């Protein structure tokens, strides 16, 4: 946010970050346990995980005049994952595992 404030004031530059859902990339899939976390996040997210292409499309909108006043924000692009507690599907799986 410091960059967003200083560069915004001095040069009119916008600075934002994007928090993407788990994404199947070469780097991501190299992490131990990634596939389990990916599936968990996909089930938790109301809209499912976003792909790398989906994220690229989203970021392109940030270069348009439609978002010219968006700055110093962390923008979530995660299918709703960051806003949910636990999905009904996960609760059902947990209940089945306890029986």
N, C-alpha and C. Protein backbone atom coordinates (compact mmCIF):
# COMPACT_ATOMS: atom_id res chain seq x y z
N UNK A 1 0.82 -1.19 0.00
CA UNK A 1 0.00 0.00 0.00
C UNK A 1 0.86 1.25 0.00
N UNK A 2 2.01 1.14 0.58
CA UNK A 2 2.91 2.29 0.60
C UNK A 2 3.28 2.70 -0.82
N UNK A 3 3.59 1.71 -1.67
CA UNK A 3 3.88 2.02 -3.07
C UNK A 3 2.68 2.67 -3.74
N UNK A 4 1.51 2.13 -3.49
CA UNK A 4 0.30 2.69 -4.08
C UNK A 4 0.08 4.13 -3.68
N UNK A 5 0.34 4.44 -2.43
CA UNK A 5 0.16 5.81 -1.96
C UNK A 5 1.19 6.74 -2.60
N UNK A 6 2.46 6.38 -2.47
CA UNK A 6 3.52 7.28 -2.96
C UNK A 6 3.53 7.42 -4.48
N UNK A 7 3.41 6.31 -5.20
CA UNK A 7 3.41 6.40 -6.66
C UNK A 7 2.10 6.96 -7.19
N UNK A 8 1.03 6.72 -6.47
CA UNK A 8 -0.25 7.32 -6.86
C UNK A 8 -0.20 8.83 -6.77
N UNK A 9 0.33 9.33 -5.67
CA UNK A 9 0.44 10.79 -5.48
C UNK A 9 1.41 11.41 -6.48
N UNK A 10 2.56 10.78 -6.65
CA UNK A 10 3.62 11.36 -7.48
C UNK A 10 3.39 11.18 -8.97
N UNK A 11 2.89 10.03 -9.38
CA UNK A 11 2.83 9.71 -10.82
C UNK A 11 1.47 9.25 -11.31
N UNK A 12 0.49 9.15 -10.43
CA UNK A 12 -0.83 8.68 -10.85
C UNK A 12 -0.88 7.19 -11.16
N UNK A 13 0.08 6.44 -10.61
CA UNK A 13 0.17 5.00 -10.85
C UNK A 13 -0.69 4.26 -9.83
N UNK A 14 -1.40 3.24 -10.29
CA UNK A 14 -2.20 2.39 -9.40
C UNK A 14 -1.42 1.13 -9.06
N UNK A 15 -1.51 0.70 -7.81
CA UNK A 15 -0.82 -0.50 -7.36
C UNK A 15 -1.84 -1.39 -6.64
N UNK A 16 -2.01 -2.61 -7.14
CA UNK A 16 -2.92 -3.58 -6.55
C UNK A 16 -2.25 -4.95 -6.53
N UNK A 17 -2.79 -5.84 -5.72
CA UNK A 17 -2.36 -7.24 -5.74
C UNK A 17 -3.59 -8.10 -6.01
N UNK A 18 -3.35 -9.30 -6.52
CA UNK A 18 -4.44 -10.24 -6.79
C UNK A 18 -4.16 -11.52 -6.02
N UNK A 19 -5.13 -11.93 -5.20
CA UNK A 19 -5.05 -13.21 -4.49
C UNK A 19 -5.86 -14.23 -5.28
N UNK A 20 -5.16 -15.09 -5.96
CA UNK A 20 -5.74 -16.09 -6.85
C UNK A 20 -6.02 -17.37 -6.08
N UNK A 21 -7.02 -18.11 -6.50
CA UNK A 21 -7.29 -19.43 -5.91
C UNK A 21 -6.15 -20.37 -6.27
N UNK A 22 -6.05 -21.53 -5.60
CA UNK A 22 -5.01 -22.48 -5.98
C UNK A 22 -5.09 -22.75 -7.48
N UNK A 23 -3.94 -22.71 -8.12
CA UNK A 23 -3.88 -22.79 -9.58
C UNK A 23 -2.89 -23.87 -10.00
N UNK A 24 -3.33 -24.73 -10.89
CA UNK A 24 -2.45 -25.80 -11.37
C UNK A 24 -1.43 -25.22 -12.36
N UNK A 25 -0.25 -25.00 -11.84
CA UNK A 25 0.88 -24.55 -12.65
C UNK A 25 2.04 -25.51 -12.37
N UNK A 26 3.12 -25.38 -13.12
CA UNK A 26 4.30 -26.22 -12.87
C UNK A 26 4.80 -26.01 -11.45
N UNK A 27 4.88 -24.77 -11.02
CA UNK A 27 5.36 -24.48 -9.67
C UNK A 27 4.39 -24.99 -8.61
N UNK A 28 3.10 -24.73 -8.81
CA UNK A 28 2.10 -25.12 -7.82
C UNK A 28 2.01 -26.62 -7.63
N UNK A 29 1.99 -27.35 -8.72
CA UNK A 29 1.82 -28.80 -8.62
C UNK A 29 3.08 -29.48 -8.09
N UNK A 30 4.18 -28.76 -8.01
CA UNK A 30 5.40 -29.32 -7.44
C UNK A 30 5.41 -29.32 -5.92
N UNK A 31 4.42 -28.69 -5.30
CA UNK A 31 4.35 -28.61 -3.85
C UNK A 31 3.67 -29.86 -3.30
N UNK A 32 4.27 -30.47 -2.30
CA UNK A 32 3.70 -31.66 -1.68
C UNK A 32 2.31 -31.34 -1.12
N UNK A 33 1.34 -32.18 -1.44
CA UNK A 33 -0.03 -31.99 -0.95
C UNK A 33 -0.85 -31.01 -1.75
N UNK A 34 -0.29 -30.49 -2.83
CA UNK A 34 -1.01 -29.47 -3.61
C UNK A 34 -2.34 -29.99 -4.14
N UNK A 35 -2.34 -31.19 -4.70
CA UNK A 35 -3.57 -31.71 -5.32
C UNK A 35 -4.70 -31.83 -4.30
N UNK A 36 -4.40 -32.24 -3.08
CA UNK A 36 -5.43 -32.35 -2.04
C UNK A 36 -5.96 -30.96 -1.69
N UNK A 37 -5.06 -29.99 -1.55
CA UNK A 37 -5.50 -28.63 -1.24
C UNK A 37 -6.31 -28.05 -2.40
N UNK A 38 -5.87 -28.31 -3.62
CA UNK A 38 -6.59 -27.83 -4.80
C UNK A 38 -8.03 -28.34 -4.80
N UNK A 39 -8.19 -29.63 -4.56
CA UNK A 39 -9.53 -30.23 -4.54
C UNK A 39 -10.37 -29.67 -3.39
N UNK A 40 -9.74 -29.50 -2.23
CA UNK A 40 -10.44 -28.92 -1.07
C UNK A 40 -10.94 -27.52 -1.41
N UNK A 41 -10.07 -26.68 -1.94
CA UNK A 41 -10.45 -25.30 -2.29
C UNK A 41 -11.53 -25.29 -3.37
N UNK A 42 -11.43 -26.20 -4.31
CA UNK A 42 -12.43 -26.27 -5.38
C UNK A 42 -13.81 -26.62 -4.83
N UNK A 43 -13.86 -27.49 -3.84
CA UNK A 43 -15.13 -27.86 -3.22
C UNK A 43 -15.66 -26.76 -2.31
N UNK A 44 -14.77 -26.03 -1.67
CA UNK A 44 -15.16 -24.96 -0.76
C UNK A 44 -15.68 -23.73 -1.51
N UNK A 45 -15.10 -23.44 -2.65
CA UNK A 45 -15.42 -22.23 -3.39
C UNK A 45 -16.77 -22.36 -4.09
N UNK A 46 -17.68 -21.42 -3.86
CA UNK A 46 -18.98 -21.48 -4.53
C UNK A 46 -18.88 -21.56 -6.05
N UNK A 47 -17.88 -20.90 -6.63
CA UNK A 47 -17.72 -20.91 -8.08
C UNK A 47 -16.57 -21.79 -8.53
N UNK A 48 -15.92 -22.50 -7.62
CA UNK A 48 -14.78 -23.34 -7.96
C UNK A 48 -13.52 -22.51 -8.13
N UNK A 49 -12.40 -23.21 -8.29
CA UNK A 49 -11.12 -22.53 -8.48
C UNK A 49 -11.07 -21.85 -9.84
N UNK A 50 -10.38 -20.74 -9.88
CA UNK A 50 -10.16 -20.03 -11.15
C UNK A 50 -8.88 -20.57 -11.79
N UNK A 51 -8.89 -20.68 -13.09
CA UNK A 51 -7.69 -21.14 -13.80
C UNK A 51 -6.72 -19.97 -13.98
N UNK A 52 -5.51 -20.29 -14.42
CA UNK A 52 -4.53 -19.24 -14.70
C UNK A 52 -5.05 -18.32 -15.81
N UNK A 53 -5.73 -18.88 -16.81
CA UNK A 53 -6.30 -18.05 -17.88
C UNK A 53 -7.40 -17.14 -17.35
N UNK A 54 -8.22 -17.66 -16.42
CA UNK A 54 -9.25 -16.82 -15.80
C UNK A 54 -8.61 -15.64 -15.08
N UNK A 55 -7.53 -15.91 -14.37
CA UNK A 55 -6.84 -14.86 -13.63
C UNK A 55 -6.25 -13.82 -14.58
N UNK A 56 -5.67 -14.29 -15.68
CA UNK A 56 -5.12 -13.36 -16.67
C UNK A 56 -6.21 -12.45 -17.22
N UNK A 57 -7.37 -13.02 -17.50
CA UNK A 57 -8.49 -12.21 -17.99
C UNK A 57 -8.89 -11.16 -16.96
N UNK A 58 -8.92 -11.56 -15.69
CA UNK A 58 -9.28 -10.63 -14.62
C UNK A 58 -8.27 -9.48 -14.53
N UNK A 59 -7.00 -9.82 -14.57
CA UNK A 59 -5.95 -8.81 -14.46
C UNK A 59 -6.02 -7.82 -15.62
N UNK A 60 -6.38 -8.29 -16.80
CA UNK A 60 -6.51 -7.39 -17.95
C UNK A 60 -7.52 -6.28 -17.67
N UNK A 61 -8.59 -6.61 -16.94
CA UNK A 61 -9.59 -5.57 -16.63
C UNK A 61 -8.98 -4.46 -15.78
N UNK A 62 -7.94 -4.78 -15.02
CA UNK A 62 -7.31 -3.76 -14.17
C UNK A 62 -6.55 -2.71 -14.98
N UNK A 63 -6.27 -3.01 -16.22
CA UNK A 63 -5.59 -2.05 -17.09
C UNK A 63 -6.56 -1.13 -17.83
N UNK A 64 -7.85 -1.38 -17.66
CA UNK A 64 -8.84 -0.57 -18.37
C UNK A 64 -9.24 0.65 -17.56
N UNK A 65 -9.86 1.60 -18.23
CA UNK A 65 -10.37 2.79 -17.55
C UNK A 65 -11.56 2.46 -16.64
N UNK A 66 -12.13 1.27 -16.80
CA UNK A 66 -13.24 0.87 -15.94
C UNK A 66 -12.81 0.71 -14.49
N UNK A 67 -11.51 0.54 -14.27
CA UNK A 67 -10.99 0.37 -12.91
C UNK A 67 -9.98 1.47 -12.56
N UNK A 68 -10.12 2.63 -13.18
CA UNK A 68 -9.12 3.69 -13.02
C UNK A 68 -9.00 4.25 -11.61
N UNK A 69 -9.96 3.99 -10.75
CA UNK A 69 -9.89 4.47 -9.37
C UNK A 69 -9.63 3.34 -8.38
N UNK A 70 -9.30 2.17 -8.87
CA UNK A 70 -8.98 1.04 -7.99
C UNK A 70 -7.48 1.04 -7.74
N UNK A 71 -7.10 1.26 -6.49
CA UNK A 71 -5.69 1.24 -6.13
C UNK A 71 -5.52 0.86 -4.67
N UNK A 72 -4.35 0.37 -4.35
CA UNK A 72 -3.97 -0.02 -2.99
C UNK A 72 -4.89 -1.11 -2.43
N UNK A 73 -5.33 -2.03 -3.30
CA UNK A 73 -6.25 -3.08 -2.89
C UNK A 73 -5.65 -4.46 -3.13
N UNK A 74 -6.01 -5.40 -2.27
CA UNK A 74 -5.75 -6.80 -2.53
C UNK A 74 -7.07 -7.36 -3.06
N UNK A 75 -7.09 -7.72 -4.32
CA UNK A 75 -8.31 -8.15 -5.00
C UNK A 75 -8.36 -9.67 -5.06
N UNK A 76 -9.41 -10.25 -4.49
CA UNK A 76 -9.54 -11.70 -4.47
C UNK A 76 -10.14 -12.20 -5.78
N UNK A 77 -9.52 -13.24 -6.30
CA UNK A 77 -9.99 -13.90 -7.53
C UNK A 77 -9.93 -15.40 -7.25
N UNK A 78 -10.85 -15.84 -6.40
CA UNK A 78 -10.74 -17.19 -5.88
C UNK A 78 -12.05 -17.96 -5.86
N UNK A 79 -13.00 -17.54 -6.66
CA UNK A 79 -14.28 -18.25 -6.73
C UNK A 79 -15.09 -18.18 -5.45
N UNK A 80 -14.72 -17.28 -4.56
CA UNK A 80 -15.43 -17.12 -3.29
C UNK A 80 -14.78 -17.84 -2.12
N UNK A 81 -13.66 -18.53 -2.36
CA UNK A 81 -12.99 -19.32 -1.33
C UNK A 81 -12.67 -18.51 -0.08
N UNK A 82 -12.21 -17.29 -0.25
CA UNK A 82 -11.78 -16.47 0.89
C UNK A 82 -12.94 -16.00 1.76
N UNK A 83 -14.16 -16.15 1.29
CA UNK A 83 -15.33 -15.64 2.02
C UNK A 83 -16.21 -16.72 2.64
N UNK A 84 -15.87 -17.98 2.46
CA UNK A 84 -16.71 -19.04 3.01
C UNK A 84 -16.03 -19.70 4.20
N UNK A 85 -16.84 -20.22 5.09
CA UNK A 85 -16.30 -20.96 6.22
C UNK A 85 -15.99 -22.39 5.80
N UNK A 86 -17.05 -23.16 5.64
CA UNK A 86 -16.89 -24.55 5.22
C UNK A 86 -18.13 -24.93 4.40
N UNK A 87 -17.93 -25.62 3.32
CA UNK A 87 -19.05 -25.94 2.43
C UNK A 87 -19.83 -27.15 2.94
N UNK A 88 -21.05 -27.27 2.45
CA UNK A 88 -21.90 -28.41 2.82
C UNK A 88 -21.26 -29.73 2.38
N UNK A 89 -20.60 -29.72 1.21
CA UNK A 89 -19.96 -30.93 0.71
C UNK A 89 -18.86 -31.40 1.65
N UNK A 90 -18.08 -30.47 2.18
CA UNK A 90 -17.00 -30.83 3.10
C UNK A 90 -17.58 -31.37 4.40
N UNK A 91 -18.63 -30.74 4.92
CA UNK A 91 -19.28 -31.22 6.14
C UNK A 91 -19.77 -32.65 5.94
N UNK A 92 -20.41 -32.92 4.80
CA UNK A 92 -20.91 -34.27 4.52
C UNK A 92 -19.77 -35.28 4.46
N UNK A 93 -18.67 -34.92 3.83
CA UNK A 93 -17.52 -35.83 3.76
C UNK A 93 -16.95 -36.09 5.14
N UNK A 94 -16.90 -35.04 5.96
CA UNK A 94 -16.38 -35.21 7.32
C UNK A 94 -17.30 -36.12 8.13
N UNK A 95 -18.61 -35.93 7.98
CA UNK A 95 -19.57 -36.78 8.70
C UNK A 95 -19.46 -38.23 8.26
N UNK A 96 -19.27 -38.46 6.97
CA UNK A 96 -19.13 -39.82 6.46
C UNK A 96 -17.86 -40.47 7.01
N UNK A 97 -16.82 -39.67 7.16
CA UNK A 97 -15.56 -40.19 7.68
C UNK A 97 -15.64 -40.56 9.15
N UNK A 98 -16.57 -39.95 9.88
CA UNK A 98 -16.72 -40.24 11.30
C UNK A 98 -17.57 -41.47 11.57
N UNK A 99 -18.27 -41.96 10.56
CA UNK A 99 -19.16 -43.12 10.74
C UNK A 99 -18.42 -44.42 10.56
